[in-house]
């Protein structure tokens, strides 16, 4: 008869691996930061100066719009909008 639950040794190994994962990611980021030096001749999306401020403002506006859409969809899903109908409930 096959076993339905995994062995405790493999569960313990998975637990240890999940604990070591953040340490491995942190070590990789530290190594990358030590090996690579920043290149100041390049800029964000090729934009510098006042155009960079405009780009940041446009990105913030887009994120705000997406957050408002997400809020409206959540309100509709939980039937919190006036005059609306909730999504189909299962």
PDB file of N, CA and C in Angstrom:
ATOM      1  N   UNK A   1       0.843  -1.179   0.000  1.00  0.00           N
ATOM      2  CA  UNK A   1       0.000   0.000   0.000  1.00  0.00           C
ATOM      3  C   UNK A   1       0.895   1.251   0.000  1.00  0.00           C
ATOM      4  N   UNK A   2       0.694   2.181  -0.920  1.00  0.00           N
ATOM      5  CA  UNK A   2       1.557   3.379  -0.969  1.00  0.00           C
ATOM      6  C   UNK A   2       1.263   4.323   0.190  1.00  0.00           C
ATOM      7  N   UNK A   3       2.293   5.022   0.584  1.00  0.00           N
ATOM      8  CA  UNK A   3       2.150   6.006   1.663  1.00  0.00           C
ATOM      9  C   UNK A   3       1.523   7.277   1.104  1.00  0.00           C
ATOM     10  N   UNK A   4       0.612   7.853   1.845  1.00  0.00           N
ATOM     11  CA  UNK A   4      -0.040   9.079   1.410  1.00  0.00           C
ATOM     12  C   UNK A   4       0.704  10.318   1.906  1.00  0.00           C
ATOM     13  N   UNK A   5       1.304  10.237   3.057  1.00  0.00           N
ATOM     14  CA  UNK A   5       2.022  11.382   3.626  1.00  0.00           C
ATOM     15  C   UNK A   5       3.515  11.237   3.340  1.00  0.00           C
ATOM     16  N   UNK A   6       4.193  12.342   3.065  1.00  0.00           N
ATOM     17  CA  UNK A   6       5.644  12.247   2.850  1.00  0.00           C
ATOM     18  C   UNK A   6       6.365  11.871   4.145  1.00  0.00           C
ATOM     19  N   UNK A   7       7.510  11.290   3.970  1.00  0.00           N
ATOM     20  CA  UNK A   7       8.289  10.897   5.139  1.00  0.00           C
ATOM     21  C   UNK A   7       8.716  12.114   5.944  1.00  0.00           C
ATOM     22  N   UNK A   8       8.920  11.916   7.220  1.00  0.00           N
ATOM     23  CA  UNK A   8       9.281  13.039   8.086  1.00  0.00           C
ATOM     24  C   UNK A   8      10.664  13.576   7.743  1.00  0.00           C
ATOM     25  N   UNK A   9      11.558  12.711   7.236  1.00  0.00           N
ATOM     26  CA  UNK A   9      12.892  13.190   6.877  1.00  0.00           C
ATOM     27  C   UNK A   9      12.808  14.183   5.727  1.00  0.00           C
ATOM     28  N   UNK A  10      11.977  13.887   4.736  1.00  0.00           N
ATOM     29  CA  UNK A  10      11.866  14.808   3.612  1.00  0.00           C
ATOM     30  C   UNK A  10      11.159  16.092   4.029  1.00  0.00           C
ATOM     31  N   UNK A  11      10.224  16.004   4.967  1.00  0.00           N
ATOM     32  CA  UNK A  11       9.570  17.219   5.468  1.00  0.00           C
ATOM     33  C   UNK A  11      10.572  18.103   6.200  1.00  0.00           C
ATOM     34  N   UNK A  12      11.434  17.488   7.003  1.00  0.00           N
ATOM     35  CA  UNK A  12      12.441  18.257   7.714  1.00  0.00           C
ATOM     36  C   UNK A  12      13.424  18.896   6.752  1.00  0.00           C
ATOM     37  N   UNK A  13      13.800  18.164   5.714  1.00  0.00           N
ATOM     38  CA  UNK A  13      14.719  18.702   4.710  1.00  0.00           C
ATOM     39  C   UNK A  13      14.090  19.894   3.994  1.00  0.00           C
ATOM     40  N   UNK A  14      12.826  19.776   3.632  1.00  0.00           N
ATOM     41  CA  UNK A  14      12.140  20.901   2.996  1.00  0.00           C
ATOM     42  C   UNK A  14      12.063  22.102   3.931  1.00  0.00           C
ATOM     43  N   UNK A  15      11.825  21.853   5.204  1.00  0.00           N
ATOM     44  CA  UNK A  15      11.787  22.955   6.171  1.00  0.00           C
ATOM     45  C   UNK A  15      13.120  23.678   6.269  1.00  0.00           C
ATOM     46  N   UNK A  16      14.195  22.907   6.266  1.00  0.00           N
ATOM     47  CA  UNK A  16      15.529  23.508   6.337  1.00  0.00           C
ATOM     48  C   UNK A  16      15.821  24.287   5.064  1.00  0.00           C
ATOM     49  N   UNK A  17      15.424  23.726   3.912  1.00  0.00           N
ATOM     50  CA  UNK A  17      15.653  24.435   2.650  1.00  0.00           C
ATOM     51  C   UNK A  17      14.880  25.747   2.608  1.00  0.00           C
ATOM     52  N   UNK A  18      13.644  25.765   3.113  1.00  0.00           N
ATOM     53  CA  UNK A  18      12.867  27.010   3.142  1.00  0.00           C
ATOM     54  C   UNK A  18      13.502  28.036   4.075  1.00  0.00           C
ATOM     55  N   UNK A  19      14.160  27.577   5.119  1.00  0.00           N
ATOM     56  CA  UNK A  19      14.847  28.511   6.017  1.00  0.00           C
ATOM     57  C   UNK A  19      16.133  29.048   5.396  1.00  0.00           C
ATOM     58  N   UNK A  20      16.771  28.247   4.561  1.00  0.00           N
ATOM     59  CA  UNK A  20      18.026  28.671   3.936  1.00  0.00           C
ATOM     60  C   UNK A  20      17.810  29.537   2.694  1.00  0.00           C
ATOM     61  N   UNK A  21      16.627  29.497   2.118  1.00  0.00           N
ATOM     62  CA  UNK A  21      16.355  30.266   0.904  1.00  0.00           C
ATOM     63  C   UNK A  21      16.582  31.769   1.079  1.00  0.00           C
ATOM     64  N   UNK A  22      16.055  32.414   2.135  1.00  0.00           N
ATOM     65  CA  UNK A  22      16.323  33.858   2.291  1.00  0.00           C
ATOM     66  C   UNK A  22      17.810  34.163   2.476  1.00  0.00           C
ATOM     67  N   UNK A  23      18.522  33.281   3.142  1.00  0.00           N
ATOM     68  CA  UNK A  23      19.965  33.497   3.317  1.00  0.00           C
ATOM     69  C   UNK A  23      20.688  33.415   1.974  1.00  0.00           C
ATOM     70  N   UNK A  24      20.285  32.485   1.118  1.00  0.00           N
ATOM     71  CA  UNK A  24      20.914  32.365  -0.196  1.00  0.00           C
ATOM     72  C   UNK A  24      20.622  33.590  -1.054  1.00  0.00           C
ATOM     73  N   UNK A  25      19.388  34.083  -1.015  1.00  0.00           N
ATOM     74  CA  UNK A  25      19.044  35.273  -1.798  1.00  0.00           C
ATOM     75  C   UNK A  25      19.817  36.483  -1.290  1.00  0.00           C
ATOM     76  N   UNK A  26      19.898  36.643   0.024  1.00  0.00           N
ATOM     77  CA  UNK A  26      20.644  37.757   0.605  1.00  0.00           C
ATOM     78  C   UNK A  26      22.122  37.674   0.228  1.00  0.00           C
ATOM     79  N   UNK A  27      22.689  36.480   0.312  1.00  0.00           N
ATOM     80  CA  UNK A  27      24.092  36.307  -0.075  1.00  0.00           C
ATOM     81  C   UNK A  27      24.319  36.638  -1.543  1.00  0.00           C
ATOM     82  N   UNK A  28      23.391  36.247  -2.407  1.00  0.00           N
ATOM     83  CA  UNK A  28      23.517  36.560  -3.824  1.00  0.00           C
ATOM     84  C   UNK A  28      23.450  38.054  -4.092  1.00  0.00           C
ATOM     85  N   UNK A  29      22.549  38.744  -3.401  1.00  0.00           N
ATOM     86  CA  UNK A  29      22.449  40.197  -3.576  1.00  0.00           C
ATOM     87  C   UNK A  29      23.694  40.916  -3.065  1.00  0.00           C
ATOM     88  N   UNK A  30      24.229  40.451  -1.948  1.00  0.00           N
ATOM     89  CA  UNK A  30      25.457  41.062  -1.416  1.00  0.00           C
ATOM     90  C   UNK A  30      26.612  40.833  -2.389  1.00  0.00           C
ATOM     91  N   UNK A  31      26.730  39.614  -2.910  1.00  0.00           N
ATOM     92  CA  UNK A  31      27.790  39.332  -3.885  1.00  0.00           C
ATOM     93  C   UNK A  31      27.643  40.222  -5.113  1.00  0.00           C
ATOM     94  N   UNK A  32      26.426  40.357  -5.642  1.00  0.00           N
ATOM     95  CA  UNK A  32      26.204  41.181  -6.832  1.00  0.00           C
ATOM     96  C   UNK A  32      26.595  42.635  -6.562  1.00  0.00           C
ATOM     97  N   UNK A  33      26.245  43.140  -5.370  1.00  0.00           N
ATOM     98  CA  UNK A  33      26.590  44.515  -5.020  1.00  0.00           C
ATOM     99  C   UNK A  33      28.080  44.737  -4.877  1.00  0.00           C
ATOM    100  N   UNK A  34      28.794  43.738  -4.413  1.00  0.00           N
ATOM    101  CA  UNK A  34      30.242  43.877  -4.247  1.00  0.00           C
ATOM    102  C   UNK A  34      30.982  43.766  -5.576  1.00  0.00           C
ATOM    103  N   UNK A  35      30.482  42.942  -6.481  1.00  0.00           N
ATOM    104  CA  UNK A  35      31.178  42.699  -7.744  1.00  0.00           C
ATOM    105  C   UNK A  35      30.908  43.800  -8.764  1.00  0.00           C
ATOM    106  N   UNK A  36      29.694  44.310  -8.811  1.00  0.00           N
ATOM    107  CA  UNK A  36      29.311  45.290  -9.825  1.00  0.00           C
ATOM    108  C   UNK A  36      29.349  46.704  -9.247  1.00  0.00           C
ATOM    109  N   UNK A  37      29.880  47.611 -10.020  1.00  0.00           N
ATOM    110  CA  UNK A  37      29.891  49.017  -9.611  1.00  0.00           C
ATOM    111  C   UNK A  37      28.828  49.774 -10.405  1.00  0.00           C
ATOM    112  N   UNK A  38      28.217  50.785  -9.798  1.00  0.00           N
ATOM    113  CA  UNK A  38      27.177  51.519 -10.526  1.00  0.00           C
ATOM    114  C   UNK A  38      27.759  52.311 -11.696  1.00  0.00           C
ATOM    115  N   UNK A  39      26.999  52.395 -12.749  1.00  0.00           N
ATOM    116  CA  UNK A  39      27.393  53.130 -13.945  1.00  0.00           C
ATOM    117  C   UNK A  39      26.580  54.419 -13.978  1.00  0.00           C
ATOM    118  N   UNK A  40      27.216  55.538 -13.682  1.00  0.00           N
ATOM    119  CA  UNK A  40      26.500  56.805 -13.566  1.00  0.00           C
ATOM    120  C   UNK A  40      26.254  57.482 -14.911  1.00  0.00           C
ATOM    121  N   UNK A  41      26.845  56.959 -15.973  1.00  0.00           N
ATOM    122  CA  UNK A  41      26.592  57.541 -17.287  1.00  0.00           C
ATOM    123  C   UNK A  41      25.222  57.147 -17.819  1.00  0.00           C
ATOM    124  N   UNK A  42      24.682  56.041 -17.318  1.00  0.00           N
ATOM    125  CA  UNK A  42      23.364  55.585 -17.750  1.00  0.00           C
ATOM    126  C   UNK A  42      22.332  56.064 -16.739  1.00  0.00           C
ATOM    127  N   UNK A  43      21.115  56.270 -17.221  1.00  0.00           N
ATOM    128  CA  UNK A  43      20.064  56.745 -16.328  1.00  0.00           C
ATOM    129  C   UNK A  43      18.823  55.881 -16.488  1.00  0.00           C
ATOM    130  N   UNK A  44      17.821  56.188 -15.710  1.00  0.00           N
ATOM    131  CA  UNK A  44      16.584  55.430 -15.712  1.00  0.00           C
ATOM    132  C   UNK A  44      15.852  55.612 -17.040  1.00  0.00           C
ATOM    133  N   UNK A  45      15.728  54.573 -17.823  1.00  0.00           N
ATOM    134  CA  UNK A  45      15.063  54.587 -19.124  1.00  0.00           C
ATOM    135  C   UNK A  45      15.656  55.634 -20.067  1.00  0.00           C
ATOM    136  N   UNK A  46      16.903  56.008 -19.890  1.00  0.00           N
ATOM    137  CA  UNK A  46      17.533  56.986 -20.760  1.00  0.00           C
ATOM    138  C   UNK A  46      17.076  58.409 -20.511  1.00  0.00           C
ATOM    139  N   UNK A  47      16.440  58.653 -19.375  1.00  0.00           N
ATOM    140  CA  UNK A  47      15.887  59.978 -19.070  1.00  0.00           C
ATOM    141  C   UNK A  47      16.721  60.611 -17.961  1.00  0.00           C
ATOM    142  N   UNK A  48      17.029  61.905 -18.119  1.00  0.00           N
ATOM    143  CA  UNK A  48      17.794  62.620 -17.102  1.00  0.00           C
ATOM    144  C   UNK A  48      17.164  63.973 -16.837  1.00  0.00           C
ATOM    145  N   UNK A  49      17.496  64.561 -15.703  1.00  0.00           N
ATOM    146  CA  UNK A  49      17.083  65.923 -15.384  1.00  0.00           C
ATOM    147  C   UNK A  49      15.590  66.062 -15.149  1.00  0.00           C
ATOM    148  N   UNK A  50      15.013  67.143 -15.692  1.00  0.00           N
ATOM    149  CA  UNK A  50      13.598  67.430 -15.486  1.00  0.00           C
ATOM    150  C   UNK A  50      12.694  66.370 -16.117  1.00  0.00           C
ATOM    151  N   UNK A  51      13.159  65.757 -17.190  1.00  0.00           N
ATOM    152  CA  UNK A  51      12.365  64.703 -17.827  1.00  0.00           C
ATOM    153  C   UNK A  51      12.206  63.503 -16.897  1.00  0.00           C
ATOM    154  N   UNK A  52      13.176  63.286 -16.018  1.00  0.00           N
ATOM    155  CA  UNK A  52      13.087  62.197 -15.054  1.00  0.00           C
ATOM    156  C   UNK A  52      11.960  62.457 -14.057  1.00  0.00           C
ATOM    157  N   UNK A  53      11.818  63.701 -13.621  1.00  0.00           N
ATOM    158  CA  UNK A  53      10.740  64.051 -12.694  1.00  0.00           C
ATOM    159  C   UNK A  53       9.381  63.840 -13.364  1.00  0.00           C
ATOM    160  N   UNK A  54       9.267  64.211 -14.636  1.00  0.00           N
ATOM    161  CA  UNK A  54       8.031  63.988 -15.380  1.00  0.00           C
ATOM    162  C   UNK A  54       7.738  62.496 -15.507  1.00  0.00           C
ATOM    163  N   UNK A  55       8.761  61.691 -15.790  1.00  0.00           N
ATOM    164  CA  UNK A  55       8.581  60.248 -15.903  1.00  0.00           C
ATOM    165  C   UNK A  55       8.091  59.656 -14.584  1.00  0.00           C
ATOM    166  N   UNK A  56       8.686  60.076 -13.468  1.00  0.00           N
ATOM    167  CA  UNK A  56       8.266  59.575 -12.163  1.00  0.00           C
ATOM    168  C   UNK A  56       6.820  59.966 -11.871  1.00  0.00           C
ATOM    169  N   UNK A  57       6.436  61.172 -12.221  1.00  0.00           N
ATOM    170  CA  UNK A  57       5.054  61.615 -11.997  1.00  0.00           C
ATOM    171  C   UNK A  57       4.083  60.790 -12.832  1.00  0.00           C
ATOM    172  N   UNK A  58       4.447  60.483 -14.073  1.00  0.00           N
ATOM    173  CA  UNK A  58       3.576  59.674 -14.914  1.00  0.00           C
ATOM    174  C   UNK A  58       3.450  58.254 -14.376  1.00  0.00           C
ATOM    175  N   UNK A  59       4.553  57.687 -13.897  1.00  0.00           N
ATOM    176  CA  UNK A  59       4.493  56.342 -13.330  1.00  0.00           C
ATOM    177  C   UNK A  59       3.636  56.315 -12.071  1.00  0.00           C
ATOM    178  N   UNK A  60       3.767  57.349 -11.228  1.00  0.00           N
ATOM    179  CA  UNK A  60       2.940  57.414 -10.015  1.00  0.00           C
ATOM    180  C   UNK A  60       1.474  57.550 -10.364  1.00  0.00           C
ATOM    181  N   UNK A  61       1.159  58.339 -11.377  1.00  0.00           N
ATOM    182  CA  UNK A  61      -0.240  58.494 -11.795  1.00  0.00           C
ATOM    183  C   UNK A  61      -0.805  57.177 -12.309  1.00  0.00           C
ATOM    184  N   UNK A  62      -0.011  56.440 -13.062  1.00  0.00           N
ATOM    185  CA  UNK A  62      -0.465  55.145 -13.567  1.00  0.00           C
ATOM    186  C   UNK A  62      -0.708  54.175 -12.419  1.00  0.00           C
ATOM    187  N   UNK A  63       0.177  54.166 -11.432  1.00  0.00           N
ATOM    188  CA  UNK A  63      -0.005  53.282 -10.279  1.00  0.00           C
ATOM    189  C   UNK A  63      -1.230  53.668  -9.465  1.00  0.00           C
ATOM    190  N   UNK A  64      -1.476  54.956  -9.316  1.00  0.00           N
ATOM    191  CA  UNK A  64      -2.664  55.398  -8.596  1.00  0.00           C
ATOM    192  C   UNK A  64      -3.924  54.962  -9.327  1.00  0.00           C
ATOM    193  N   UNK A  65      -3.927  55.080 -10.652  1.00  0.00           N
ATOM    194  CA  UNK A  65      -5.079  54.628 -11.436  1.00  0.00           C
ATOM    195  C   UNK A  65      -5.320  53.136 -11.291  1.00  0.00           C
ATOM    196  N   UNK A  66      -4.252  52.339 -11.310  1.00  0.00           N
ATOM    197  CA  UNK A  66      -4.397  50.895 -11.133  1.00  0.00           C
ATOM    198  C   UNK A  66      -4.905  50.552  -9.737  1.00  0.00           C
ATOM    199  N   UNK A  67      -4.455  51.291  -8.728  1.00  0.00           N
ATOM    200  CA  UNK A  67      -4.933  51.056  -7.363  1.00  0.00           C
ATOM    201  C   UNK A  67      -6.416  51.389  -7.246  1.00  0.00           C
ATOM    202  N   UNK A  68      -6.862  52.450  -7.897  1.00  0.00           N
ATOM    203  CA  UNK A  68      -8.287  52.800  -7.863  1.00  0.00           C
ATOM    204  C   UNK A  68      -9.132  51.748  -8.574  1.00  0.00           C
ATOM    205  N   UNK A  69      -8.640  51.230  -9.689  1.00  0.00           N
ATOM    206  CA  UNK A  69      -9.357  50.170 -10.383  1.00  0.00           C
ATOM    207  C   UNK A  69      -9.464  48.936  -9.500  1.00  0.00           C
ATOM    208  N   UNK A  70      -8.392  48.588  -8.819  1.00  0.00           N
ATOM    209  CA  UNK A  70      -8.406  47.435  -7.935  1.00  0.00           C
ATOM    210  C   UNK A  70      -9.391  47.644  -6.790  1.00  0.00           C
ATOM    211  N   UNK A  71      -9.446  48.845  -6.246  1.00  0.00           N
ATOM    212  CA  UNK A  71     -10.387  49.158  -5.175  1.00  0.00           C
ATOM    213  C   UNK A  71     -11.826  49.037  -5.653  1.00  0.00           C
ATOM    214  N   UNK A  72     -12.117  49.580  -6.832  1.00  0.00           N
ATOM    215  CA  UNK A  72     -13.476  49.496  -7.364  1.00  0.00           C
ATOM    216  C   UNK A  72     -13.884  48.052  -7.642  1.00  0.00           C
ATOM    217  N   UNK A  73     -12.973  47.256  -8.164  1.00  0.00           N
ATOM    218  CA  UNK A  73     -13.292  45.855  -8.412  1.00  0.00           C
ATOM    219  C   UNK A  73     -13.539  45.096  -7.108  1.00  0.00           C
ATOM    220  N   UNK A  74     -12.779  45.398  -6.083  1.00  0.00           N
ATOM    221  CA  UNK A  74     -12.996  44.746  -4.788  1.00  0.00           C
ATOM    222  C   UNK A  74     -14.331  45.169  -4.189  1.00  0.00           C
ATOM    223  N   UNK A  75     -14.664  46.448  -4.302  1.00  0.00           N
ATOM    224  CA  UNK A  75     -15.953  46.909  -3.779  1.00  0.00           C
ATOM    225  C   UNK A  75     -17.108  46.257  -4.527  1.00  0.00           C
ATOM    226  N   UNK A  76     -16.965  46.093  -5.823  1.00  0.00           N
ATOM    227  CA  UNK A  76     -18.019  45.440  -6.603  1.00  0.00           C
ATOM    228  C   UNK A  76     -18.124  43.968  -6.226  1.00  0.00           C
ATOM    229  N   UNK A  77     -16.995  43.307  -6.034  1.00  0.00           N
ATOM    230  CA  UNK A  77     -16.990  41.893  -5.722  1.00  0.00           C
ATOM    231  C   UNK A  77     -17.692  41.621  -4.386  1.00  0.00           C
ATOM    232  N   UNK A  78     -17.531  42.522  -3.419  1.00  0.00           N
ATOM    233  CA  UNK A  78     -18.142  42.337  -2.104  1.00  0.00           C
ATOM    234  C   UNK A  78     -19.445  43.116  -1.954  1.00  0.00           C
ATOM    235  N   UNK A  79     -20.016  43.563  -3.070  1.00  0.00           N
ATOM    236  CA  UNK A  79     -21.312  44.237  -3.106  1.00  0.00           C
ATOM    237  C   UNK A  79     -21.344  45.455  -2.185  1.00  0.00           C
ATOM    238  N   UNK A  80     -20.338  46.283  -2.278  1.00  0.00           N
ATOM    239  CA  UNK A  80     -20.272  47.500  -1.473  1.00  0.00           C
ATOM    240  C   UNK A  80     -20.554  48.756  -2.283  1.00  0.00           C
ATOM    241  N   UNK A  81     -20.743  48.612  -3.592  1.00  0.00           N
ATOM    242  CA  UNK A  81     -21.060  49.765  -4.428  1.00  0.00           C
ATOM    243  C   UNK A  81     -22.570  49.976  -4.447  1.00  0.00           C
ATOM    244  N   UNK A  82     -23.028  51.217  -4.348  1.00  0.00           N
ATOM    245  CA  UNK A  82     -24.474  51.449  -4.382  1.00  0.00           C
ATOM    246  C   UNK A  82     -25.031  51.170  -5.776  1.00  0.00           C
ATOM    247  N   UNK A  83     -26.189  50.498  -5.809  1.00  0.00           N
ATOM    248  CA  UNK A  83     -26.831  50.210  -7.076  1.00  0.00           C
ATOM    249  C   UNK A  83     -26.192  49.088  -7.864  1.00  0.00           C
ATOM    250  N   UNK A  84     -25.194  48.471  -7.317  1.00  0.00           N
ATOM    251  CA  UNK A  84     -24.506  47.403  -8.029  1.00  0.00           C
ATOM    252  C   UNK A  84     -25.006  46.043  -7.603  1.00  0.00           C
ATOM    253  N   UNK A  85     -24.579  45.050  -8.337  1.00  0.00           N
ATOM    254  CA  UNK A  85     -24.938  43.681  -8.006  1.00  0.00           C
ATOM    255  C   UNK A  85     -23.644  42.914  -7.779  1.00  0.00           C
ATOM    256  N   UNK A  86     -23.615  42.120  -6.747  1.00  0.00           N
ATOM    257  CA  UNK A  86     -22.404  41.367  -6.421  1.00  0.00           C
ATOM    258  C   UNK A  86     -22.134  40.321  -7.467  1.00  0.00           C
ATOM    259  N   UNK A  87     -20.908  39.858  -7.512  1.00  0.00           N
ATOM    260  CA  UNK A  87     -20.556  38.790  -8.423  1.00  0.00           C
ATOM    261  C   UNK A  87     -21.273  37.511  -8.003  1.00  0.00           C
ATOM    262  N   UNK A  88     -21.286  36.547  -8.885  1.00  0.00           N
ATOM    263  CA  UNK A  88     -21.971  35.295  -8.604  1.00  0.00           C
ATOM    264  C   UNK A  88     -21.300  34.612  -7.423  1.00  0.00           C
ATOM    265  N   UNK A  89     -22.127  34.205  -6.453  1.00  0.00           N
ATOM    266  CA  UNK A  89     -21.595  33.533  -5.262  1.00  0.00           C
ATOM    267  C   UNK A  89     -21.744  32.036  -5.421  1.00  0.00           C
ATOM    268  N   UNK A  90     -20.740  31.325  -4.998  1.00  0.00           N
ATOM    269  CA  UNK A  90     -20.790  29.859  -5.128  1.00  0.00           C
ATOM    270  C   UNK A  90     -21.087  29.226  -3.793  1.00  0.00           C
TER     271      UNK A  90
END
